[in-house]
Amino acid sequence: MRLDWAAMMRASICGLGLRPSEFWALTPAELRLMLGPTAPAPMGRARLIELCRAYPDDPGKEGS
């Protein structure tokens, strides 16, 4: 799942009235809390494992 940064910025700046510098200073958890229940769900373990396999720290090794 890709993050729709434009939509999140629009919701934060237009909907919440934040300045761009305030938006970029937020942690993802803070932004999610401010956006409420319509914010995207956090990444689960299965997606993390999928990403680790697709983009290993050591490109010479296959994912575990």
Protein backbone atom coordinates (compact mmCIF):
# COMPACT_ATOMS: atom_id res chain seq x y z
CA MET A 1 0.00 0.00 0.00
CA ARG A 2 1.43 3.35 -1.01
CA LEU A 3 0.85 6.46 1.05
CA ASP A 4 -1.10 9.17 -0.71
CA TRP A 5 1.03 12.08 0.54
CA ALA A 6 -0.92 14.63 -1.50
CA ALA A 7 -4.21 13.56 0.08
CA MET A 8 -2.70 13.54 3.56
CA MET A 9 -1.22 17.01 3.04
CA ARG A 10 -4.54 18.27 1.67
CA ALA A 11 -6.43 16.87 4.66
CA SER A 12 -3.87 18.30 7.09
CA ILE A 13 -3.47 21.73 5.53
CA CYS A 14 -6.99 22.34 4.25
CA GLY A 15 -8.97 20.22 6.71
CA LEU A 16 -6.97 20.69 9.90
CA GLY A 17 -5.54 24.12 9.08
CA LEU A 18 -1.93 23.08 9.60
CA ARG A 19 0.98 24.93 7.99
CA PRO A 20 3.24 22.79 5.77
CA SER A 21 6.04 22.96 8.36
CA GLU A 22 3.63 21.69 11.01
CA PHE A 23 2.55 18.82 8.75
CA TRP A 24 6.14 17.70 8.11
CA ALA A 25 7.00 17.97 11.83
CA LEU A 26 4.31 15.43 12.74
CA THR A 27 5.07 11.78 13.27
CA PRO A 28 2.87 9.33 11.33
CA ALA A 29 1.18 8.37 14.63
CA GLU A 30 0.37 12.01 15.42
CA LEU A 31 -1.02 12.59 11.93
CA ARG A 32 -3.18 9.47 12.16
CA LEU A 33 -4.53 10.60 15.52
CA MET A 34 -5.35 14.06 14.17
CA LEU A 35 -7.02 12.72 11.02
CA GLY A 36 -9.22 10.38 13.05
CA PRO A 37 -10.78 7.07 12.05
CA THR A 38 -10.67 7.83 8.29
CA ALA A 39 -6.87 7.69 8.28
CA PRO A 40 -5.27 4.66 6.59
CA ALA A 41 -4.65 1.66 8.84
CA PRO A 42 -1.09 1.17 10.06
CA MET A 43 1.09 -1.38 8.28
CA GLY A 44 0.72 -4.91 9.63
CA ARG A 45 3.34 -7.59 10.13
CA ALA A 46 2.47 -9.38 6.87
CA ARG A 47 3.10 -6.23 4.82
CA LEU A 48 6.37 -5.57 6.68
CA ILE A 49 7.58 -9.10 5.90
CA GLU A 50 6.56 -8.65 2.26
CA LEU A 51 8.56 -5.41 2.04
CA CYS A 52 11.58 -6.96 3.78
CA ARG A 53 11.59 -9.77 1.24
CA ALA A 54 11.20 -7.39 -1.69
CA TYR A 55 13.89 -4.99 -0.44
CA PRO A 56 16.41 -6.92 1.70
CA ASP A 57 19.14 -5.08 3.60
CA ASP A 58 21.71 -7.23 1.79
CA PRO A 59 20.71 -7.34 -1.91
CA GLY A 60 22.93 -10.43 -2.35
CA LYS A 61 20.64 -12.48 -0.08
CA GLU A 62 17.14 -13.69 -0.73
CA GLY A 63 14.42 -12.76 1.76
CA SER A 64 14.03 -15.14 4.69
